[in-house]
Amino acid sequence: KLIQQLNVPIVRYPGGNFVSGYHWE
């Protein structure tokens, strides 16, 4: 509900530093 009130059109995911070692599978 709070995010919808911010009216955010895109969200970057899953990182950040985390993505550089991430296996999406």
mmCIF file of all heavy atoms, coordinates in Angstrom:
data_MODEL
# 
_entry.id   MODEL 
# 
loop_
_atom_site.group_PDB 
_atom_site.id 
_atom_site.type_symbol 
_atom_site.label_atom_id 
_atom_site.label_alt_id 
_atom_site.label_comp_id 
_atom_site.label_asym_id 
_atom_site.label_entity_id 
_atom_site.label_seq_id 
_atom_site.pdbx_PDB_ins_code 
_atom_site.Cartn_x 
_atom_site.Cartn_y 
_atom_site.Cartn_z 
_atom_site.occupancy 
_atom_site.B_iso_or_equiv 
_atom_site.pdbx_formal_charge 
_atom_site.auth_seq_id 
_atom_site.auth_comp_id 
_atom_site.auth_asym_id 
_atom_site.auth_atom_id 
_atom_site.pdbx_PDB_model_num 
ATOM 1   N N   . LYS A 1 1  ? 0.830  -1.207  0.000   1.00 0.00 ? 1  LYS A N   1 
ATOM 2   C CA  . LYS A 1 1  ? 0.000  0.000   0.000   1.00 0.00 ? 1  LYS A CA  1 
ATOM 3   C C   . LYS A 1 1  ? 0.868  1.262   0.000   1.00 0.00 ? 1  LYS A C   1 
ATOM 4   O O   . LYS A 1 1  ? 0.616  2.214   -0.757  1.00 0.00 ? 1  LYS A O   1 
ATOM 5   C CB  . LYS A 1 1  ? -0.921 -0.012  1.220   1.00 0.00 ? 1  LYS A CB  1 
ATOM 6   C CG  . LYS A 1 1  ? -1.902 1.144   1.261   1.00 0.00 ? 1  LYS A CG  1 
ATOM 7   C CD  . LYS A 1 1  ? -2.811 1.056   2.480   1.00 0.00 ? 1  LYS A CD  1 
ATOM 8   C CE  . LYS A 1 1  ? -3.746 2.261   2.561   1.00 0.00 ? 1  LYS A CE  1 
ATOM 9   N NZ  . LYS A 1 1  ? -4.570 2.236   3.795   1.00 0.00 ? 1  LYS A NZ  1 
ATOM 10  N N   . LEU A 1 2  ? 1.920  1.267   0.821   1.00 0.00 ? 2  LEU A N   1 
ATOM 11  C CA  . LEU A 1 2  ? 2.803  2.437   0.881   1.00 0.00 ? 2  LEU A CA  1 
ATOM 12  C C   . LEU A 1 2  ? 3.579  2.614   -0.420  1.00 0.00 ? 2  LEU A C   1 
ATOM 13  O O   . LEU A 1 2  ? 3.828  3.743   -0.861  1.00 0.00 ? 2  LEU A O   1 
ATOM 14  C CB  . LEU A 1 2  ? 3.771  2.313   2.060   1.00 0.00 ? 2  LEU A CB  1 
ATOM 15  C CG  . LEU A 1 2  ? 3.148  2.423   3.456   1.00 0.00 ? 2  LEU A CG  1 
ATOM 16  C CD1 . LEU A 1 2  ? 4.207  2.217   4.533   1.00 0.00 ? 2  LEU A CD1 1 
ATOM 17  C CD2 . LEU A 1 2  ? 2.451  3.763   3.646   1.00 0.00 ? 2  LEU A CD2 1 
ATOM 18  N N   . ILE A 1 3  ? 3.969  1.501   -1.056  1.00 0.00 ? 3  ILE A N   1 
ATOM 19  C CA  . ILE A 1 3  ? 4.699  1.581   -2.328  1.00 0.00 ? 3  ILE A CA  1 
ATOM 20  C C   . ILE A 1 3  ? 3.780  2.098   -3.428  1.00 0.00 ? 3  ILE A C   1 
ATOM 21  O O   . ILE A 1 3  ? 4.182  2.937   -4.257  1.00 0.00 ? 3  ILE A O   1 
ATOM 22  C CB  . ILE A 1 3  ? 5.301  0.215   -2.693  1.00 0.00 ? 3  ILE A CB  1 
ATOM 23  C CG1 . ILE A 1 3  ? 6.432  -0.143  -1.721  1.00 0.00 ? 3  ILE A CG1 1 
ATOM 24  C CG2 . ILE A 1 3  ? 5.832  0.212   -4.131  1.00 0.00 ? 3  ILE A CG2 1 
ATOM 25  C CD1 . ILE A 1 3  ? 6.901  -1.580  -1.794  1.00 0.00 ? 3  ILE A CD1 1 
ATOM 26  N N   . GLN A 1 4  ? 2.542  1.628   -3.434  1.00 0.00 ? 4  GLN A N   1 
ATOM 27  C CA  . GLN A 1 4  ? 1.583  2.099   -4.445  1.00 0.00 ? 4  GLN A CA  1 
ATOM 28  C C   . GLN A 1 4  ? 1.369  3.606   -4.338  1.00 0.00 ? 4  GLN A C   1 
ATOM 29  O O   . GLN A 1 4  ? 1.237  4.295   -5.349  1.00 0.00 ? 4  GLN A O   1 
ATOM 30  C CB  . GLN A 1 4  ? 0.261  1.351   -4.292  1.00 0.00 ? 4  GLN A CB  1 
ATOM 31  C CG  . GLN A 1 4  ? 0.326  -0.097  -4.738  1.00 0.00 ? 4  GLN A CG  1 
ATOM 32  C CD  . GLN A 1 4  ? -0.821 -0.941  -4.193  1.00 0.00 ? 4  GLN A CD  1 
ATOM 33  O OE1 . GLN A 1 4  ? -1.629 -0.462  -3.404  1.00 0.00 ? 4  GLN A OE1 1 
ATOM 34  N NE2 . GLN A 1 4  ? -0.891 -2.192  -4.615  1.00 0.00 ? 4  GLN A NE2 1 
ATOM 35  N N   . GLN A 1 5  ? 1.371  4.130   -3.106  1.00 0.00 ? 5  GLN A N   1 
ATOM 36  C CA  . GLN A 1 5  ? 1.217  5.572   -2.913  1.00 0.00 ? 5  GLN A CA  1 
ATOM 37  C C   . GLN A 1 5  ? 2.407  6.357   -3.471  1.00 0.00 ? 5  GLN A C   1 
ATOM 38  O O   . GLN A 1 5  ? 2.268  7.515   -3.874  1.00 0.00 ? 5  GLN A O   1 
ATOM 39  C CB  . GLN A 1 5  ? 1.048  5.898   -1.427  1.00 0.00 ? 5  GLN A CB  1 
ATOM 40  C CG  . GLN A 1 5  ? -0.294 5.499   -0.849  1.00 0.00 ? 5  GLN A CG  1 
ATOM 41  C CD  . GLN A 1 5  ? -0.341 5.648   0.662   1.00 0.00 ? 5  GLN A CD  1 
ATOM 42  O OE1 . GLN A 1 5  ? -0.818 4.774   1.366   1.00 0.00 ? 5  GLN A OE1 1 
ATOM 43  N NE2 . GLN A 1 5  ? 0.174  6.753   1.178   1.00 0.00 ? 5  GLN A NE2 1 
ATOM 44  N N   . LEU A 1 6  ? 3.579  5.725   -3.511  1.00 0.00 ? 6  LEU A N   1 
ATOM 45  C CA  . LEU A 1 6  ? 4.762  6.390   -4.067  1.00 0.00 ? 6  LEU A CA  1 
ATOM 46  C C   . LEU A 1 6  ? 4.714  6.456   -5.595  1.00 0.00 ? 6  LEU A C   1 
ATOM 47  O O   . LEU A 1 6  ? 5.439  7.236   -6.203  1.00 0.00 ? 6  LEU A O   1 
ATOM 48  C CB  . LEU A 1 6  ? 6.047  5.661   -3.640  1.00 0.00 ? 6  LEU A CB  1 
ATOM 49  C CG  . LEU A 1 6  ? 6.499  5.841   -2.200  1.00 0.00 ? 6  LEU A CG  1 
ATOM 50  C CD1 . LEU A 1 6  ? 7.735  4.983   -1.933  1.00 0.00 ? 6  LEU A CD1 1 
ATOM 51  C CD2 . LEU A 1 6  ? 6.800  7.294   -1.878  1.00 0.00 ? 6  LEU A CD2 1 
ATOM 52  N N   . ASN A 1 7  ? 3.889  5.587   -6.207  1.00 0.00 ? 7  ASN A N   1 
ATOM 53  C CA  . ASN A 1 7  ? 3.738  5.605   -7.667  1.00 0.00 ? 7  ASN A CA  1 
ATOM 54  C C   . ASN A 1 7  ? 5.084  5.380   -8.363  1.00 0.00 ? 7  ASN A C   1 
ATOM 55  O O   . ASN A 1 7  ? 5.542  6.187   -9.174  1.00 0.00 ? 7  ASN A O   1 
ATOM 56  C CB  . ASN A 1 7  ? 3.106  6.941   -8.100  1.00 0.00 ? 7  ASN A CB  1 
ATOM 57  C CG  . ASN A 1 7  ? 2.436  6.853   -9.451  1.00 0.00 ? 7  ASN A CG  1 
ATOM 58  O OD1 . ASN A 1 7  ? 2.426  5.805   -10.082 1.00 0.00 ? 7  ASN A OD1 1 
ATOM 59  N ND2 . ASN A 1 7  ? 1.892  7.967   -9.892  1.00 0.00 ? 7  ASN A ND2 1 
ATOM 60  N N   . VAL A 1 8  ? 5.705  4.246   -8.033  1.00 0.00 ? 8  VAL A N   1 
ATOM 61  C CA  . VAL A 1 8  ? 7.037  3.895   -8.556  1.00 0.00 ? 8  VAL A CA  1 
ATOM 62  C C   . VAL A 1 8  ? 6.872  3.078   -9.841  1.00 0.00 ? 8  VAL A C   1 
ATOM 63  O O   . VAL A 1 8  ? 6.318  1.987   -9.800  1.00 0.00 ? 8  VAL A O   1 
ATOM 64  C CB  . VAL A 1 8  ? 7.819  3.064   -7.509  1.00 0.00 ? 8  VAL A CB  1 
ATOM 65  C CG1 . VAL A 1 8  ? 9.157  2.620   -8.064  1.00 0.00 ? 8  VAL A CG1 1 
ATOM 66  C CG2 . VAL A 1 8  ? 8.017  3.858   -6.233  1.00 0.00 ? 8  VAL A CG2 1 
ATOM 67  N N   . PRO A 1 9  ? 7.345  3.574   -10.991 1.00 0.00 ? 9  PRO A N   1 
ATOM 68  C CA  . PRO A 1 9  ? 7.082  2.866   -12.256 1.00 0.00 ? 9  PRO A CA  1 
ATOM 69  C C   . PRO A 1 9  ? 8.028  1.703   -12.559 1.00 0.00 ? 9  PRO A C   1 
ATOM 70  O O   . PRO A 1 9  ? 7.674  0.810   -13.317 1.00 0.00 ? 9  PRO A O   1 
ATOM 71  C CB  . PRO A 1 9  ? 7.231  3.958   -13.306 1.00 0.00 ? 9  PRO A CB  1 
ATOM 72  C CG  . PRO A 1 9  ? 8.160  4.936   -12.683 1.00 0.00 ? 9  PRO A CG  1 
ATOM 73  C CD  . PRO A 1 9  ? 7.959  4.878   -11.205 1.00 0.00 ? 9  PRO A CD  1 
ATOM 74  N N   . ILE A 1 10 ? 9.243  1.731   -12.009 1.00 0.00 ? 10 ILE A N   1 
ATOM 75  C CA  . ILE A 1 10 ? 10.163 0.602   -12.186 1.00 0.00 ? 10 ILE A CA  1 
ATOM 76  C C   . ILE A 1 10 ? 10.896 0.352   -10.870 1.00 0.00 ? 10 ILE A C   1 
ATOM 77  O O   . ILE A 1 10 ? 11.098 1.268   -10.069 1.00 0.00 ? 10 ILE A O   1 
ATOM 78  C CB  . ILE A 1 10 ? 11.227 0.829   -13.296 1.00 0.00 ? 10 ILE A CB  1 
ATOM 79  C CG1 . ILE A 1 10 ? 12.052 2.093   -13.036 1.00 0.00 ? 10 ILE A CG1 1 
ATOM 80  C CG2 . ILE A 1 10 ? 10.627 0.816   -14.675 1.00 0.00 ? 10 ILE A CG2 1 
ATOM 81  C CD1 . ILE A 1 10 ? 13.383 2.087   -13.717 1.00 0.00 ? 10 ILE A CD1 1 
ATOM 82  N N   . VAL A 1 11 ? 11.297 -0.906  -10.680 1.00 0.00 ? 11 VAL A N   1 
ATOM 83  C CA  . VAL A 1 11 ? 12.127 -1.271  -9.531  1.00 0.00 ? 11 VAL A CA  1 
ATOM 84  C C   . VAL A 1 11 ? 13.282 -2.128  -10.032 1.00 0.00 ? 11 VAL A C   1 
ATOM 85  O O   . VAL A 1 11 ? 13.078 -3.154  -10.686 1.00 0.00 ? 11 VAL A O   1 
ATOM 86  C CB  . VAL A 1 11 ? 11.317 -2.029  -8.456  1.00 0.00 ? 11 VAL A CB  1 
ATOM 87  C CG1 . VAL A 1 11 ? 12.225 -2.477  -7.320  1.00 0.00 ? 11 VAL A CG1 1 
ATOM 88  C CG2 . VAL A 1 11 ? 10.199 -1.143  -7.896  1.00 0.00 ? 11 VAL A CG2 1 
ATOM 89  N N   . ARG A 1 12 ? 14.491 -1.687  -9.736  1.00 0.00 ? 12 ARG A N   1 
ATOM 90  C CA  . ARG A 1 12 ? 15.701 -2.408  -10.112 1.00 0.00 ? 12 ARG A CA  1 
ATOM 91  C C   . ARG A 1 12 ? 15.868 -3.616  -9.183  1.00 0.00 ? 12 ARG A C   1 
ATOM 92  O O   . ARG A 1 12 ? 15.653 -3.525  -7.979  1.00 0.00 ? 12 ARG A O   1 
ATOM 93  C CB  . ARG A 1 12 ? 16.892 -1.450  -10.000 1.00 0.00 ? 12 ARG A CB  1 
ATOM 94  C CG  . ARG A 1 12 ? 18.229 -2.000  -10.443 1.00 0.00 ? 12 ARG A CG  1 
ATOM 95  C CD  . ARG A 1 12 ? 19.222 -0.839  -10.552 1.00 0.00 ? 12 ARG A CD  1 
ATOM 96  N NE  . ARG A 1 12 ? 20.589 -1.284  -10.745 1.00 0.00 ? 12 ARG A NE  1 
ATOM 97  C CZ  . ARG A 1 12 ? 21.567 -1.143  -9.855  1.00 0.00 ? 12 ARG A CZ  1 
ATOM 98  N NH1 . ARG A 1 12 ? 21.318 -0.553  -8.684  1.00 0.00 ? 12 ARG A NH1 1 
ATOM 99  N NH2 . ARG A 1 12 ? 22.782 -1.557  -10.114 1.00 0.00 ? 12 ARG A NH2 1 
ATOM 100 N N   . TYR A 1 13 ? 16.292 -4.763  -9.761  1.00 0.00 ? 13 TYR A N   1 
ATOM 101 C CA  . TYR A 1 13 ? 16.365 -6.021  -9.016  1.00 0.00 ? 13 TYR A CA  1 
ATOM 102 C C   . TYR A 1 13 ? 17.311 -6.958  -9.767  1.00 0.00 ? 13 TYR A C   1 
ATOM 103 O O   . TYR A 1 13 ? 17.388 -6.873  -10.987 1.00 0.00 ? 13 TYR A O   1 
ATOM 104 C CB  . TYR A 1 13 ? 14.944 -6.628  -8.933  1.00 0.00 ? 13 TYR A CB  1 
ATOM 105 C CG  . TYR A 1 13 ? 14.883 -7.998  -8.313  1.00 0.00 ? 13 TYR A CG  1 
ATOM 106 C CD1 . TYR A 1 13 ? 14.805 -8.151  -6.931  1.00 0.00 ? 13 TYR A CD1 1 
ATOM 107 C CD2 . TYR A 1 13 ? 14.895 -9.134  -9.106  1.00 0.00 ? 13 TYR A CD2 1 
ATOM 108 C CE1 . TYR A 1 13 ? 14.761 -9.414  -6.359  1.00 0.00 ? 13 TYR A CE1 1 
ATOM 109 C CE2 . TYR A 1 13 ? 14.848 -10.394 -8.543  1.00 0.00 ? 13 TYR A CE2 1 
ATOM 110 C CZ  . TYR A 1 13 ? 14.776 -10.537 -7.174  1.00 0.00 ? 13 TYR A CZ  1 
ATOM 111 O OH  . TYR A 1 13 ? 14.735 -11.779 -6.610  1.00 0.00 ? 13 TYR A OH  1 
ATOM 112 N N   . PRO A 1 14 ? 18.055 -7.870  -9.108  1.00 0.00 ? 14 PRO A N   1 
ATOM 113 C CA  . PRO A 1 14 ? 18.126 -8.169  -7.666  1.00 0.00 ? 14 PRO A CA  1 
ATOM 114 C C   . PRO A 1 14 ? 19.339 -7.532  -6.982  1.00 0.00 ? 14 PRO A C   1 
ATOM 115 O O   . PRO A 1 14 ? 19.652 -7.858  -5.857  1.00 0.00 ? 14 PRO A O   1 
ATOM 116 C CB  . PRO A 1 14 ? 18.272 -9.694  -7.679  1.00 0.00 ? 14 PRO A CB  1 
ATOM 117 C CG  . PRO A 1 14 ? 19.129 -9.964  -8.887  1.00 0.00 ? 14 PRO A CG  1 
ATOM 118 C CD  . PRO A 1 14 ? 18.726 -8.925  -9.908  1.00 0.00 ? 14 PRO A CD  1 
ATOM 119 N N   . GLY A 1 15 ? 20.019 -6.647  -7.651  1.00 0.00 ? 15 GLY A N   1 
ATOM 120 C CA  . GLY A 1 15 ? 21.171 -5.942  -7.105  1.00 0.00 ? 15 GLY A CA  1 
ATOM 121 C C   . GLY A 1 15 ? 21.717 -5.029  -8.175  1.00 0.00 ? 15 GLY A C   1 
ATOM 122 O O   . GLY A 1 15 ? 21.294 -5.119  -9.330  1.00 0.00 ? 15 GLY A O   1 
ATOM 123 N N   . GLY A 1 16 ? 22.663 -4.150  -7.738  1.00 0.00 ? 16 GLY A N   1 
ATOM 124 C CA  . GLY A 1 16 ? 23.423 -4.171  -6.520  1.00 0.00 ? 16 GLY A CA  1 
ATOM 125 C C   . GLY A 1 16 ? 24.536 -5.217  -6.523  1.00 0.00 ? 16 GLY A C   1 
ATOM 126 O O   . GLY A 1 16 ? 24.685 -6.065  -7.381  1.00 0.00 ? 16 GLY A O   1 
ATOM 127 N N   . ASN A 1 17 ? 25.390 -5.069  -5.494  1.00 0.00 ? 17 ASN A N   1 
ATOM 128 C CA  . ASN A 1 17 ? 26.546 -5.947  -5.339  1.00 0.00 ? 17 ASN A CA  1 
ATOM 129 C C   . ASN A 1 17 ? 26.147 -7.416  -5.344  1.00 0.00 ? 17 ASN A C   1 
ATOM 130 O O   . ASN A 1 17 ? 26.895 -8.282  -5.808  1.00 0.00 ? 17 ASN A O   1 
ATOM 131 C CB  . ASN A 1 17 ? 27.288 -5.627  -4.034  1.00 0.00 ? 17 ASN A CB  1 
ATOM 132 C CG  . ASN A 1 17 ? 27.880 -4.233  -4.030  1.00 0.00 ? 17 ASN A CG  1 
ATOM 133 O OD1 . ASN A 1 17 ? 27.955 -3.570  -5.065  1.00 0.00 ? 17 ASN A OD1 1 
ATOM 134 N ND2 . ASN A 1 17 ? 28.293 -3.764  -2.868  1.00 0.00 ? 17 ASN A ND2 1 
ATOM 135 N N   . PHE A 1 18 ? 24.947 -7.705  -4.843  1.00 0.00 ? 18 PHE A N   1 
ATOM 136 C CA  . PHE A 1 18 ? 24.464 -9.079  -4.765  1.00 0.00 ? 18 PHE A CA  1 
ATOM 137 C C   . PHE A 1 18 ? 24.457 -9.766  -6.131  1.00 0.00 ? 18 PHE A C   1 
ATOM 138 O O   . PHE A 1 18 ? 24.779 -10.952 -6.253  1.00 0.00 ? 18 PHE A O   1 
ATOM 139 C CB  . PHE A 1 18 ? 23.046 -9.084  -4.172  1.00 0.00 ? 18 PHE A CB  1 
ATOM 140 C CG  . PHE A 1 18 ? 22.359 -10.420 -4.202  1.00 0.00 ? 18 PHE A CG  1 
ATOM 141 C CD1 . PHE A 1 18 ? 22.643 -11.389 -3.240  1.00 0.00 ? 18 PHE A CD1 1 
ATOM 142 C CD2 . PHE A 1 18 ? 21.423 -10.717 -5.185  1.00 0.00 ? 18 PHE A CD2 1 
ATOM 143 C CE1 . PHE A 1 18 ? 22.007 -12.630 -3.270  1.00 0.00 ? 18 PHE A CE1 1 
ATOM 144 C CE2 . PHE A 1 18 ? 20.778 -11.942 -5.219  1.00 0.00 ? 18 PHE A CE2 1 
ATOM 145 C CZ  . PHE A 1 18 ? 21.078 -12.904 -4.260  1.00 0.00 ? 18 PHE A CZ  1 
ATOM 146 N N   . VAL A 1 19 ? 24.105 -9.024  -7.183  1.00 0.00 ? 19 VAL A N   1 
ATOM 147 C CA  . VAL A 1 19 ? 23.903 -9.664  -8.489  1.00 0.00 ? 19 VAL A CA  1 
ATOM 148 C C   . VAL A 1 19 ? 25.193 -10.230 -9.061  1.00 0.00 ? 19 VAL A C   1 
ATOM 149 O O   . VAL A 1 19 ? 25.175 -11.164 -9.864  1.00 0.00 ? 19 VAL A O   1 
ATOM 150 C CB  . VAL A 1 19 ? 23.246 -8.685  -9.493  1.00 0.00 ? 19 VAL A CB  1 
ATOM 151 C CG1 . VAL A 1 19 ? 24.264 -7.718  -10.098 1.00 0.00 ? 19 VAL A CG1 1 
ATOM 152 C CG2 . VAL A 1 19 ? 22.542 -9.457  -10.611 1.00 0.00 ? 19 VAL A CG2 1 
ATOM 153 N N   . SER A 1 20 ? 26.338 -9.706  -8.623  1.00 0.00 ? 20 SER A N   1 
ATOM 154 C CA  . SER A 1 20 ? 27.610 -10.115 -9.232  1.00 0.00 ? 20 SER A CA  1 
ATOM 155 C C   . SER A 1 20 ? 28.068 -11.519 -8.824  1.00 0.00 ? 20 SER A C   1 
ATOM 156 O O   . SER A 1 20 ? 29.079 -12.003 -9.319  1.00 0.00 ? 20 SER A O   1 
ATOM 157 C CB  . SER A 1 20 ? 28.705 -9.093  -8.904  1.00 0.00 ? 20 SER A CB  1 
ATOM 158 O OG  . SER A 1 20 ? 28.436 -7.876  -9.551  1.00 0.00 ? 20 SER A OG  1 
ATOM 159 N N   . GLY A 1 21 ? 27.302 -12.163 -7.919  1.00 0.00 ? 21 GLY A N   1 
ATOM 160 C CA  . GLY A 1 21 ? 27.583 -13.559 -7.596  1.00 0.00 ? 21 GLY A CA  1 
ATOM 161 C C   . GLY A 1 21 ? 26.340 -14.423 -7.677  1.00 0.00 ? 21 GLY A C   1 
ATOM 162 O O   . GLY A 1 21 ? 26.344 -15.567 -7.234  1.00 0.00 ? 21 GLY A O   1 
ATOM 163 N N   . TYR A 1 22 ? 25.276 -13.886 -8.270  1.00 0.00 ? 22 TYR A N   1 
ATOM 164 C CA  . TYR A 1 22 ? 23.958 -14.522 -8.207  1.00 0.00 ? 22 TYR A CA  1 
ATOM 165 C C   . TYR A 1 22 ? 23.724 -15.452 -9.384  1.00 0.00 ? 22 TYR A C   1 
ATOM 166 O O   . TYR A 1 22 ? 24.008 -15.116 -10.524 1.00 0.00 ? 22 TYR A O   1 
ATOM 167 C CB  . TYR A 1 22 ? 22.890 -13.427 -8.207  1.00 0.00 ? 22 TYR A CB  1 
ATOM 168 C CG  . TYR A 1 22 ? 21.458 -13.899 -8.053  1.00 0.00 ? 22 TYR A CG  1 
ATOM 169 C CD1 . TYR A 1 22 ? 21.097 -14.813 -7.067  1.00 0.00 ? 22 TYR A CD1 1 
ATOM 170 C CD2 . TYR A 1 22 ? 20.464 -13.407 -8.900  1.00 0.00 ? 22 TYR A CD2 1 
ATOM 171 C CE1 . TYR A 1 22 ? 19.775 -15.215 -6.918  1.00 0.00 ? 22 TYR A CE1 1 
ATOM 172 C CE2 . TYR A 1 22 ? 19.141 -13.802 -8.754  1.00 0.00 ? 22 TYR A CE2 1 
ATOM 173 C CZ  . TYR A 1 22 ? 18.805 -14.709 -7.763  1.00 0.00 ? 22 TYR A CZ  1 
ATOM 174 O OH  . TYR A 1 22 ? 17.494 -15.096 -7.625  1.00 0.00 ? 22 TYR A OH  1 
ATOM 175 N N   . HIS A 1 23 ? 23.190 -16.646 -9.071  1.00 0.00 ? 23 HIS A N   1 
ATOM 176 C CA  . HIS A 1 23 ? 22.686 -17.564 -10.088 1.00 0.00 ? 23 HIS A CA  1 
ATOM 177 C C   . HIS A 1 23 ? 21.169 -17.492 -10.047 1.00 0.00 ? 23 HIS A C   1 
ATOM 178 O O   . HIS A 1 23 ? 20.538 -18.021 -9.132  1.00 0.00 ? 23 HIS A O   1 
ATOM 179 C CB  . HIS A 1 23 ? 23.151 -18.997 -9.807  1.00 0.00 ? 23 HIS A CB  1 
ATOM 180 C CG  . HIS A 1 23 ? 24.609 -19.219 -10.067 1.00 0.00 ? 23 HIS A CG  1 
ATOM 181 N ND1 . HIS A 1 23 ? 25.133 -20.454 -10.392 1.00 0.00 ? 23 HIS A ND1 1 
ATOM 182 C CD2 . HIS A 1 23 ? 25.659 -18.366 -10.058 1.00 0.00 ? 23 HIS A CD2 1 
ATOM 183 C CE1 . HIS A 1 23 ? 26.446 -20.352 -10.568 1.00 0.00 ? 23 HIS A CE1 1 
ATOM 184 N NE2 . HIS A 1 23 ? 26.777 -19.089 -10.362 1.00 0.00 ? 23 HIS A NE2 1 
ATOM 185 N N   . TRP A 1 24 ? 20.573 -16.849 -11.036 1.00 0.00 ? 24 TRP A N   1 
ATOM 186 C CA  . TRP A 1 24 ? 19.127 -16.639 -11.020 1.00 0.00 ? 24 TRP A CA  1 
ATOM 187 C C   . TRP A 1 24 ? 18.361 -17.956 -10.987 1.00 0.00 ? 24 TRP A C   1 
ATOM 188 O O   . TRP A 1 24 ? 17.250 -18.028 -10.464 1.00 0.00 ? 24 TRP A O   1 
ATOM 189 C CB  . TRP A 1 24 ? 18.693 -15.773 -12.212 1.00 0.00 ? 24 TRP A CB  1 
ATOM 190 C CG  . TRP A 1 24 ? 18.973 -16.400 -13.564 1.00 0.00 ? 24 TRP A CG  1 
ATOM 191 C CD1 . TRP A 1 24 ? 20.100 -16.238 -14.313 1.00 0.00 ? 24 TRP A CD1 1 
ATOM 192 C CD2 . TRP A 1 24 ? 18.121 -17.270 -14.301 1.00 0.00 ? 24 TRP A CD2 1 
ATOM 193 N NE1 . TRP A 1 24 ? 20.012 -16.967 -15.473 1.00 0.00 ? 24 TRP A NE1 1 
ATOM 194 C CE2 . TRP A 1 24 ? 18.794 -17.612 -15.493 1.00 0.00 ? 24 TRP A CE2 1 
ATOM 195 C CE3 . TRP A 1 24 ? 16.845 -17.806 -14.078 1.00 0.00 ? 24 TRP A CE3 1 
ATOM 196 C CZ2 . TRP A 1 24 ? 18.251 -18.461 -16.461 1.00 0.00 ? 24 TRP A CZ2 1 
ATOM 197 C CZ3 . TRP A 1 24 ? 16.297 -18.654 -15.040 1.00 0.00 ? 24 TRP A CZ3 1 
ATOM 198 C CH2 . TRP A 1 24 ? 16.997 -18.971 -16.212 1.00 0.00 ? 24 TRP A CH2 1 
ATOM 199 N N   . GLU A 1 25 ? 18.970 -19.024 -11.521 1.00 0.00 ? 25 GLU A N   1 
ATOM 200 C CA  . GLU A 1 25 ? 18.302 -20.333 -11.533 1.00 0.00 ? 25 GLU A CA  1 
ATOM 201 C C   . GLU A 1 25 ? 18.062 -20.865 -10.123 1.00 0.00 ? 25 GLU A C   1 
ATOM 202 O O   . GLU A 1 25 ? 17.157 -21.689 -9.913  1.00 0.00 ? 25 GLU A O   1 
ATOM 203 C CB  . GLU A 1 25 ? 19.134 -21.360 -12.321 1.00 0.00 ? 25 GLU A CB  1 
ATOM 204 C CG  . GLU A 1 25 ? 19.483 -20.946 -13.740 1.00 0.00 ? 25 GLU A CG  1 
ATOM 205 C CD  . GLU A 1 25 ? 20.827 -20.245 -13.851 1.00 0.00 ? 25 GLU A CD  1 
ATOM 206 O OE1 . GLU A 1 25 ? 21.228 -19.552 -12.883 1.00 0.00 ? 25 GLU A OE1 1 
ATOM 207 O OE2 . GLU A 1 25 ? 21.486 -20.386 -14.900 1.00 0.00 ? 25 GLU A OE2 1 
# 
